[in-house]
PDB file of N, CA and C in Angstrom:
ATOM      1  N   UNK A   1     -20.438 -15.099 -54.331  1.00  0.00           N
ATOM      2  CA  UNK A   1     -19.638 -15.154 -53.716  1.00  0.00           C
ATOM      3  C   UNK A   1     -19.034 -14.236 -53.378  1.00  0.00           C
ATOM      4  N   UNK A   2     -19.916 -13.061 -53.044  1.00  0.00           N
ATOM      5  CA  UNK A   2     -19.632 -12.023 -52.320  1.00  0.00           C
ATOM      6  C   UNK A   2     -20.136 -12.263 -51.174  1.00  0.00           C
ATOM      7  N   UNK A   3     -21.506 -12.620 -51.055  1.00  0.00           N
ATOM      8  CA  UNK A   3     -22.087 -13.037 -50.250  1.00  0.00           C
ATOM      9  C   UNK A   3     -21.756 -14.160 -48.471  1.00  0.00           C
ATOM     10  N   UNK A   4     -20.816 -15.018 -49.664  1.00  0.00           N
ATOM     11  CA  UNK A   4     -20.025 -16.072 -49.107  1.00  0.00           C
ATOM     12  C   UNK A   4     -18.497 -15.588 -48.500  1.00  0.00           C
ATOM     13  N   UNK A   5     -18.393 -14.641 -49.117  1.00  0.00           N
ATOM     14  CA  UNK A   5     -16.880 -13.427 -48.477  1.00  0.00           C
ATOM     15  C   UNK A   5     -17.533 -13.035 -47.015  1.00  0.00           C
ATOM     16  N   UNK A   6     -18.511 -12.217 -47.368  1.00  0.00           N
ATOM     17  CA  UNK A   6     -19.212 -11.004 -46.561  1.00  0.00           C
ATOM     18  C   UNK A   6     -19.423 -11.879 -45.379  1.00  0.00           C
ATOM     19  N   UNK A   7     -19.969 -13.128 -45.465  1.00  0.00           N
ATOM     20  CA  UNK A   7     -20.793 -14.264 -44.637  1.00  0.00           C
ATOM     21  C   UNK A   7     -19.247 -14.788 -43.629  1.00  0.00           C
ATOM     22  N   UNK A   8     -18.111 -15.121 -44.158  1.00  0.00           N
ATOM     23  CA  UNK A   8     -16.754 -15.422 -43.728  1.00  0.00           C
ATOM     24  C   UNK A   8     -15.945 -14.249 -42.616  1.00  0.00           C
ATOM     25  N   UNK A   9     -16.142 -13.060 -43.640  1.00  0.00           N
ATOM     26  CA  UNK A   9     -15.325 -11.529 -42.508  1.00  0.00           C
ATOM     27  C   UNK A   9     -16.333 -11.378 -41.119  1.00  0.00           C
ATOM     28  N   UNK A  10     -18.213 -11.939 -41.588  1.00  0.00           N
ATOM     29  CA  UNK A  10     -18.808 -11.419 -40.535  1.00  0.00           C
ATOM     30  C   UNK A  10     -17.916 -12.757 -39.229  1.00  0.00           C
ATOM     31  N   UNK A  11     -18.339 -13.934 -39.889  1.00  0.00           N
ATOM     32  CA  UNK A  11     -18.148 -15.226 -38.865  1.00  0.00           C
ATOM     33  C   UNK A  11     -16.560 -14.944 -38.431  1.00  0.00           C
ATOM     34  N   UNK A  12     -15.263 -14.456 -38.780  1.00  0.00           N
ATOM     35  CA  UNK A  12     -14.114 -14.148 -38.357  1.00  0.00           C
ATOM     36  C   UNK A  12     -14.380 -13.063 -37.631  1.00  0.00           C
ATOM     37  N   UNK A  13     -15.087 -11.926 -37.756  1.00  0.00           N
ATOM     38  CA  UNK A  13     -15.437 -10.699 -36.980  1.00  0.00           C
ATOM     39  C   UNK A  13     -15.503 -11.456 -35.649  1.00  0.00           C
ATOM     40  N   UNK A  14     -16.934 -11.829 -35.838  1.00  0.00           N
ATOM     41  CA  UNK A  14     -17.393 -12.547 -34.170  1.00  0.00           C
ATOM     42  C   UNK A  14     -16.001 -12.853 -33.581  1.00  0.00           C
ATOM     43  N   UNK A  15     -15.102 -13.950 -34.406  1.00  0.00           N
ATOM     44  CA  UNK A  15     -14.386 -14.787 -33.553  1.00  0.00           C
ATOM     45  C   UNK A  15     -13.720 -14.225 -32.888  1.00  0.00           C
ATOM     46  N   UNK A  16     -13.040 -13.253 -33.760  1.00  0.00           N
ATOM     47  CA  UNK A  16     -12.307 -12.067 -33.218  1.00  0.00           C
ATOM     48  C   UNK A  16     -12.189 -11.133 -32.072  1.00  0.00           C
ATOM     49  N   UNK A  17     -13.471 -11.246 -32.293  1.00  0.00           N
ATOM     50  CA  UNK A  17     -13.909  -9.793 -31.049  1.00  0.00           C
ATOM     51  C   UNK A  17     -14.144 -10.912 -30.035  1.00  0.00           C
ATOM     52  N   UNK A  18     -15.137 -12.285 -30.124  1.00  0.00           N
ATOM     53  CA  UNK A  18     -14.566 -13.284 -28.898  1.00  0.00           C
ATOM     54  C   UNK A  18     -13.685 -13.188 -27.912  1.00  0.00           C
ATOM     55  N   UNK A  19     -12.301 -13.683 -29.180  1.00  0.00           N
ATOM     56  CA  UNK A  19     -11.181 -13.594 -28.751  1.00  0.00           C
ATOM     57  C   UNK A  19     -10.438 -12.546 -27.398  1.00  0.00           C
ATOM     58  N   UNK A  20     -10.722 -11.774 -28.298  1.00  0.00           N
ATOM     59  CA  UNK A  20     -10.150 -10.410 -27.732  1.00  0.00           C
ATOM     60  C   UNK A  20     -10.561  -9.839 -26.477  1.00  0.00           C
ATOM     61  N   UNK A  21     -12.190 -10.155 -26.334  1.00  0.00           N
ATOM     62  CA  UNK A  21     -12.985 -10.522 -24.773  1.00  0.00           C
ATOM     63  C   UNK A  21     -11.974 -11.012 -24.221  1.00  0.00           C
ATOM     64  N   UNK A  22     -12.321 -12.605 -23.966  1.00  0.00           N
ATOM     65  CA  UNK A  22     -11.667 -13.312 -23.676  1.00  0.00           C
ATOM     66  C   UNK A  22     -10.162 -13.066 -23.035  1.00  0.00           C
ATOM     67  N   UNK A  23      -8.913 -12.246 -24.275  1.00  0.00           N
ATOM     68  CA  UNK A  23      -7.997 -11.934 -24.160  1.00  0.00           C
ATOM     69  C   UNK A  23      -7.917 -11.119 -22.335  1.00  0.00           C
ATOM     70  N   UNK A  24      -8.989 -10.003 -23.251  1.00  0.00           N
ATOM     71  CA  UNK A  24      -9.237  -8.771 -21.760  1.00  0.00           C
ATOM     72  C   UNK A  24      -9.541  -9.420 -20.228  1.00  0.00           C
ATOM     73  N   UNK A  25     -10.199 -10.317 -20.910  1.00  0.00           N
ATOM     74  CA  UNK A  25     -10.472 -11.374 -18.859  1.00  0.00           C
ATOM     75  C   UNK A  25      -9.430 -11.772 -18.700  1.00  0.00           C
ATOM     76  N   UNK A  26      -7.914 -12.469 -19.553  1.00  0.00           N
ATOM     77  CA  UNK A  26      -7.205 -13.126 -18.621  1.00  0.00           C
ATOM     78  C   UNK A  26      -6.342 -11.810 -18.017  1.00  0.00           C
ATOM     79  N   UNK A  27      -6.362 -10.965 -18.602  1.00  0.00           N
ATOM     80  CA  UNK A  27      -5.422  -9.608 -18.577  1.00  0.00           C
ATOM     81  C   UNK A  27      -5.820  -9.765 -17.522  1.00  0.00           C
ATOM     82  N   UNK A  28      -6.870  -8.888 -17.039  1.00  0.00           N
ATOM     83  CA  UNK A  28      -7.933  -8.753 -15.575  1.00  0.00           C
ATOM     84  C   UNK A  28      -7.053  -9.682 -14.084  1.00  0.00           C
ATOM     85  N   UNK A  29      -6.969 -11.163 -14.945  1.00  0.00           N
ATOM     86  CA  UNK A  29      -7.422 -12.086 -13.841  1.00  0.00           C
ATOM     87  C   UNK A  29      -5.799 -12.244 -13.427  1.00  0.00           C
ATOM     88  N   UNK A  30      -4.849 -11.947 -14.651  1.00  0.00           N
ATOM     89  CA  UNK A  30      -3.170 -12.150 -14.233  1.00  0.00           C
ATOM     90  C   UNK A  30      -2.766 -10.467 -13.724  1.00  0.00           C
ATOM     91  N   UNK A  31      -3.273  -9.568 -13.760  1.00  0.00           N
ATOM     92  CA  UNK A  31      -2.834  -8.287 -12.572  1.00  0.00           C
ATOM     93  C   UNK A  31      -3.414  -8.787 -11.790  1.00  0.00           C
ATOM     94  N   UNK A  32      -4.775  -9.042 -11.318  1.00  0.00           N
ATOM     95  CA  UNK A  32      -5.198  -9.000 -10.006  1.00  0.00           C
ATOM     96  C   UNK A  32      -3.683 -10.074  -9.360  1.00  0.00           C
ATOM     97  N   UNK A  33      -3.602 -11.269 -10.113  1.00  0.00           N
ATOM     98  CA  UNK A  33      -2.616 -12.432  -9.707  1.00  0.00           C
ATOM     99  C   UNK A  33      -1.218 -11.878  -9.160  1.00  0.00           C
ATOM    100  N   UNK A  34      -1.038 -10.973 -10.488  1.00  0.00           N
ATOM    101  CA  UNK A  34       0.212 -10.884 -10.315  1.00  0.00           C
ATOM    102  C   UNK A  34       0.783  -8.949  -8.978  1.00  0.00           C
ATOM    103  N   UNK A  35      -0.586  -8.470  -8.872  1.00  0.00           N
ATOM    104  CA  UNK A  35      -0.682  -7.236  -7.252  1.00  0.00           C
ATOM    105  C   UNK A  35      -1.117  -8.066  -6.302  1.00  0.00           C
ATOM    106  N   UNK A  36      -1.711  -9.105  -5.991  1.00  0.00           N
ATOM    107  CA  UNK A  36      -1.352 -10.206  -4.605  1.00  0.00           C
ATOM    108  C   UNK A  36      -0.464 -10.929  -4.413  1.00  0.00           C
ATOM    109  N   UNK A  37       0.407 -10.817  -5.435  1.00  0.00           N
ATOM    110  CA  UNK A  37       1.445 -11.964  -5.459  1.00  0.00           C
ATOM    111  C   UNK A  37       2.639 -10.788  -5.154  1.00  0.00           C
ATOM    112  N   UNK A  38       2.710  -9.406  -5.699  1.00  0.00           N
ATOM    113  CA  UNK A  38       3.715  -8.677  -4.677  1.00  0.00           C
ATOM    114  C   UNK A  38       3.263  -7.984  -3.408  1.00  0.00           C
ATOM    115  N   UNK A  39       2.384  -7.781  -3.574  1.00  0.00           N
ATOM    116  CA  UNK A  39       1.554  -7.157  -2.284  1.00  0.00           C
ATOM    117  C   UNK A  39       2.035  -8.108  -1.069  1.00  0.00           C
ATOM    118  N   UNK A  40       1.802  -9.364  -1.459  1.00  0.00           N
ATOM    119  CA  UNK A  40       2.011 -10.217  -0.470  1.00  0.00           C
ATOM    120  C   UNK A  40       4.485 -10.066  -0.198  1.00  0.00           C
ATOM    121  N   UNK A  41       4.644 -10.411  -1.192  1.00  0.00           N
ATOM    122  CA  UNK A  41       6.177  -9.775  -1.218  1.00  0.00           C
ATOM    123  C   UNK A  41       6.366  -8.760  -0.665  1.00  0.00           C
ATOM    124  N   UNK A  42       5.287  -7.226  -0.614  1.00  0.00           N
ATOM    125  CA  UNK A  42       6.394  -6.651   0.021  1.00  0.00           C
ATOM    126  C   UNK A  42       5.845  -6.584   1.971  1.00  0.00           C
ATOM    127  N   UNK A  43       4.485  -6.979   1.762  1.00  0.00           N
ATOM    128  CA  UNK A  43       4.733  -7.351   3.447  1.00  0.00           C
ATOM    129  C   UNK A  43       5.610  -8.879   4.047  1.00  0.00           C
ATOM    130  N   UNK A  44       5.789  -9.843   3.151  1.00  0.00           N
ATOM    131  CA  UNK A  44       7.368 -10.637   3.711  1.00  0.00           C
ATOM    132  C   UNK A  44       7.831  -9.670   4.038  1.00  0.00           C
ATOM    133  N   UNK A  45       8.242  -8.892   3.146  1.00  0.00           N
ATOM    134  CA  UNK A  45       9.699  -8.503   3.496  1.00  0.00           C
ATOM    135  C   UNK A  45       9.320  -6.314   4.581  1.00  0.00           C
ATOM    136  N   UNK A  46       8.250  -6.384   5.015  1.00  0.00           N
ATOM    137  CA  UNK A  46       7.920  -6.078   5.937  1.00  0.00           C
ATOM    138  C   UNK A  46       8.028  -4.165   5.702  1.00  0.00           C
ATOM    139  N   UNK A  47       7.376  -3.838   4.189  1.00  0.00           N
ATOM    140  CA  UNK A  47       8.162  -2.573   3.618  1.00  0.00           C
ATOM    141  C   UNK A  47       6.827  -1.942   4.097  1.00  0.00           C
ATOM    142  N   UNK A  48       7.253  -0.310   4.417  1.00  0.00           N
ATOM    143  CA  UNK A  48       6.496   0.341   5.104  1.00  0.00           C
ATOM    144  C   UNK A  48       5.609   1.550   3.732  1.00  0.00           C
ATOM    145  N   UNK A  49       4.020   1.235   3.651  1.00  0.00           N
ATOM    146  CA  UNK A  49       3.402   1.713   2.876  1.00  0.00           C
ATOM    147  C   UNK A  49       3.395   3.033   2.503  1.00  0.00           C
ATOM    148  N   UNK A  50       3.437   3.909   1.302  1.00  0.00           N
ATOM    149  CA  UNK A  50       3.690   5.557   1.328  1.00  0.00           C
ATOM    150  C   UNK A  50       2.864   5.943   2.249  1.00  0.00           C
ATOM    151  N   UNK A  51       1.116   6.042   2.895  1.00  0.00           N
ATOM    152  CA  UNK A  51       0.978   6.478   3.470  1.00  0.00           C
ATOM    153  C   UNK A  51       1.348   7.189   4.950  1.00  0.00           C
ATOM    154  N   UNK A  52       1.825   5.903   5.463  1.00  0.00           N
ATOM    155  CA  UNK A  52       2.576   5.835   6.794  1.00  0.00           C
ATOM    156  C   UNK A  52       4.084   6.204   6.675  1.00  0.00           C
ATOM    157  N   UNK A  53       4.218   6.389   5.478  1.00  0.00           N
ATOM    158  CA  UNK A  53       6.164   6.557   5.329  1.00  0.00           C
ATOM    159  C   UNK A  53       5.889   8.369   5.026  1.00  0.00           C
ATOM    160  N   UNK A  54       4.949   8.976   4.837  1.00  0.00           N
ATOM    161  CA  UNK A  54       4.600  10.278   4.316  1.00  0.00           C
ATOM    162  C   UNK A  54       4.631  10.855   5.715  1.00  0.00           C
ATOM    163  N   UNK A  55       3.748   9.890   6.631  1.00  0.00           N
ATOM    164  CA  UNK A  55       2.568  10.638   8.003  1.00  0.00           C
ATOM    165  C   UNK A  55       4.293  10.665   8.781  1.00  0.00           C
ATOM    166  N   UNK A  56       4.913   9.787   8.998  1.00  0.00           N
ATOM    167  CA  UNK A  56       6.511   9.659   9.963  1.00  0.00           C
ATOM    168  C   UNK A  56       7.162  10.703   8.916  1.00  0.00           C
ATOM    169  N   UNK A  57       7.332  11.163   7.972  1.00  0.00           N
ATOM    170  CA  UNK A  57       8.261  12.057   7.412  1.00  0.00           C
ATOM    171  C   UNK A  57       7.717  13.191   7.738  1.00  0.00           C
ATOM    172  N   UNK A  58       6.916  13.411   7.544  1.00  0.00           N
ATOM    173  CA  UNK A  58       6.387  15.471   8.369  1.00  0.00           C
ATOM    174  C   UNK A  58       6.811  15.080   9.926  1.00  0.00           C
ATOM    175  N   UNK A  59       6.256  14.164  10.833  1.00  0.00           N
ATOM    176  CA  UNK A  59       6.516  14.509  12.245  1.00  0.00           C
ATOM    177  C   UNK A  59       7.711  14.342  12.180  1.00  0.00           C
ATOM    178  N   UNK A  60       8.566  13.840  11.569  1.00  0.00           N
ATOM    179  CA  UNK A  60      10.029  14.093  11.601  1.00  0.00           C
ATOM    180  C   UNK A  60      10.439  15.287  11.275  1.00  0.00           C
ATOM    181  N   UNK A  61      10.138  16.187  10.343  1.00  0.00           N
ATOM    182  CA  UNK A  61      10.202  17.362   9.952  1.00  0.00           C
ATOM    183  C   UNK A  61       9.805  18.143  10.976  1.00  0.00           C
ATOM    184  N   UNK A  62       8.858  18.464  11.829  1.00  0.00           N
ATOM    185  CA  UNK A  62       8.287  18.973  12.955  1.00  0.00           C
ATOM    186  C   UNK A  62       9.128  18.629  14.400  1.00  0.00           C
ATOM    187  N   UNK A  63       9.716  17.582  14.119  1.00  0.00           N
ATOM    188  CA  UNK A  63      10.615  17.636  15.612  1.00  0.00           C
ATOM    189  C   UNK A  63      11.663  18.019  14.901  1.00  0.00           C
ATOM    190  N   UNK A  64      11.763  17.823  13.923  1.00  0.00           N
ATOM    191  CA  UNK A  64      13.281  19.024  13.920  1.00  0.00           C
ATOM    192  C   UNK A  64      13.138  20.220  13.776  1.00  0.00           C
ATOM    193  N   UNK A  65      12.118  20.693  14.010  1.00  0.00           N
ATOM    194  CA  UNK A  65      12.228  22.068  13.727  1.00  0.00           C
ATOM    195  C   UNK A  65      11.747  22.610  15.518  1.00  0.00           C
ATOM    196  N   UNK A  66      11.462  21.524  15.882  1.00  0.00           N
ATOM    197  CA  UNK A  66      11.326  21.954  17.929  1.00  0.00           C
ATOM    198  C   UNK A  66      12.405  21.926  18.296  1.00  0.00           C
ATOM    199  N   UNK A  67      13.075  20.929  17.504  1.00  0.00           N
ATOM    200  CA  UNK A  67      14.565  20.647  18.459  1.00  0.00           C
ATOM    201  C   UNK A  67      15.601  21.476  18.458  1.00  0.00           C
ATOM    202  N   UNK A  68      15.361  22.113  16.822  1.00  0.00           N
ATOM    203  CA  UNK A  68      16.602  23.531  16.585  1.00  0.00           C
ATOM    204  C   UNK A  68      15.899  24.510  17.690  1.00  0.00           C
ATOM    205  N   UNK A  69      14.880  24.485  17.836  1.00  0.00           N
ATOM    206  CA  UNK A  69      14.318  25.891  18.782  1.00  0.00           C
ATOM    207  C   UNK A  69      14.377  25.513  19.632  1.00  0.00           C
ATOM    208  N   UNK A  70      14.212  24.421  20.624  1.00  0.00           N
ATOM    209  CA  UNK A  70      15.191  23.942  21.709  1.00  0.00           C
ATOM    210  C   UNK A  70      16.499  24.507  22.063  1.00  0.00           C
ATOM    211  N   UNK A  71      16.796  24.393  20.773  1.00  0.00           N
ATOM    212  CA  UNK A  71      18.834  24.066  20.331  1.00  0.00           C
ATOM    213  C   UNK A  71      18.770  25.974  20.524  1.00  0.00           C
ATOM    214  N   UNK A  72      18.147  26.487  20.276  1.00  0.00           N
ATOM    215  CA  UNK A  72      18.415  28.069  20.104  1.00  0.00           C
ATOM    216  C   UNK A  72      18.555  28.538  21.370  1.00  0.00           C
ATOM    217  N   UNK A  73      16.973  27.648  21.947  1.00  0.00           N
ATOM    218  CA  UNK A  73      16.366  28.897  23.386  1.00  0.00           C
ATOM    219  C   UNK A  73      17.798  28.138  24.577  1.00  0.00           C
ATOM    220  N   UNK A  74      18.465  27.408  24.632  1.00  0.00           N
ATOM    221  CA  UNK A  74      19.793  26.016  25.312  1.00  0.00           C
ATOM    222  C   UNK A  74      20.909  27.724  25.055  1.00  0.00           C
ATOM    223  N   UNK A  75      21.298  27.666  23.964  1.00  0.00           N
ATOM    224  CA  UNK A  75      22.144  28.977  23.770  1.00  0.00           C
ATOM    225  C   UNK A  75      22.155  30.361  24.565  1.00  0.00           C
ATOM    226  N   UNK A  76      20.818  30.091  24.302  1.00  0.00           N
ATOM    227  CA  UNK A  76      20.753  31.521  24.877  1.00  0.00           C
ATOM    228  C   UNK A  76      21.085  31.720  26.103  1.00  0.00           C
ATOM    229  N   UNK A  77      20.325  30.390  26.889  1.00  0.00           N
ATOM    230  CA  UNK A  77      20.098  30.466  28.190  1.00  0.00           C
ATOM    231  C   UNK A  77      21.394  29.994  28.942  1.00  0.00           C
ATOM    232  N   UNK A  78      22.495  29.339  28.406  1.00  0.00           N
ATOM    233  CA  UNK A  78      23.991  29.086  28.397  1.00  0.00           C
ATOM    234  C   UNK A  78      24.996  30.592  28.509  1.00  0.00           C
ATOM    235  N   UNK A  79      24.376  31.210  27.407  1.00  0.00           N
ATOM    236  CA  UNK A  79      25.149  32.662  27.404  1.00  0.00           C
ATOM    237  C   UNK A  79      24.636  33.754  28.697  1.00  0.00           C
ATOM    238  N   UNK A  80      23.223  33.208  28.686  1.00  0.00           N
ATOM    239  CA  UNK A  80      22.553  34.721  29.744  1.00  0.00           C
ATOM    240  C   UNK A  80      23.659  34.040  31.350  1.00  0.00           C
ATOM    241  N   UNK A  81      23.753  32.733  31.263  1.00  0.00           N
ATOM    242  CA  UNK A  81      24.255  32.301  32.732  1.00  0.00           C
ATOM    243  C   UNK A  81      26.213  32.139  32.262  1.00  0.00           C
ATOM    244  N   UNK A  82      27.161  32.643  31.302  1.00  0.00           N
ATOM    245  CA  UNK A  82      27.927  32.662  30.906  1.00  0.00           C
ATOM    246  C   UNK A  82      28.257  34.435  31.297  1.00  0.00           C
ATOM    247  N   UNK A  83      27.405  34.945  31.242  1.00  0.00           N
ATOM    248  CA  UNK A  83      27.482  36.437  31.846  1.00  0.00           C
ATOM    249  C   UNK A  83      27.091  36.709  32.872  1.00  0.00           C
ATOM    250  N   UNK A  84      25.978  35.887  33.520  1.00  0.00           N
ATOM    251  CA  UNK A  84      26.070  36.192  34.674  1.00  0.00           C
ATOM    252  C   UNK A  84      27.221  35.759  35.943  1.00  0.00           C
ATOM    253  N   UNK A  85      27.721  34.503  35.427  1.00  0.00           N
ATOM    254  CA  UNK A  85      29.353  34.084  35.638  1.00  0.00           C
ATOM    255  C   UNK A  85      30.559  35.222  36.390  1.00  0.00           C
ATOM    256  N   UNK A  86      30.479  35.773  34.579  1.00  0.00           N
ATOM    257  CA  UNK A  86      31.909  36.588  34.669  1.00  0.00           C
ATOM    258  C   UNK A  86      31.364  37.830  35.429  1.00  0.00           C
ATOM    259  N   UNK A  87      30.065  38.210  35.549  1.00  0.00           N
ATOM    260  CA  UNK A  87      29.738  39.459  35.846  1.00  0.00           C
ATOM    261  C   UNK A  87      29.957  39.578  38.033  1.00  0.00           C
ATOM    262  N   UNK A  88      30.109  38.305  37.962  1.00  0.00           N
ATOM    263  CA  UNK A  88      29.937  38.301  39.595  1.00  0.00           C
ATOM    264  C   UNK A  88      31.814  38.740  40.310  1.00  0.00           C
TER     265      UNK A  88
END
């Protein structure tokens, strides 16, 4: 009886291992399909990718800095022009 129980548990363990392996394969297939569908959906919505967003964000920050610097220089030039006009 002990050997038949051991044999039964051995077979049961084998079946469970195979089932777990098959379930793992199915899980991977489902993940691939879902990822593919999500990417397709995002492309249909014309969503920008993260790396593109970060690049444009950096460009915008630099342009803001340049704009602030140019605005400051313009204000200084306008002050100088006003002083010249008052001294004439």
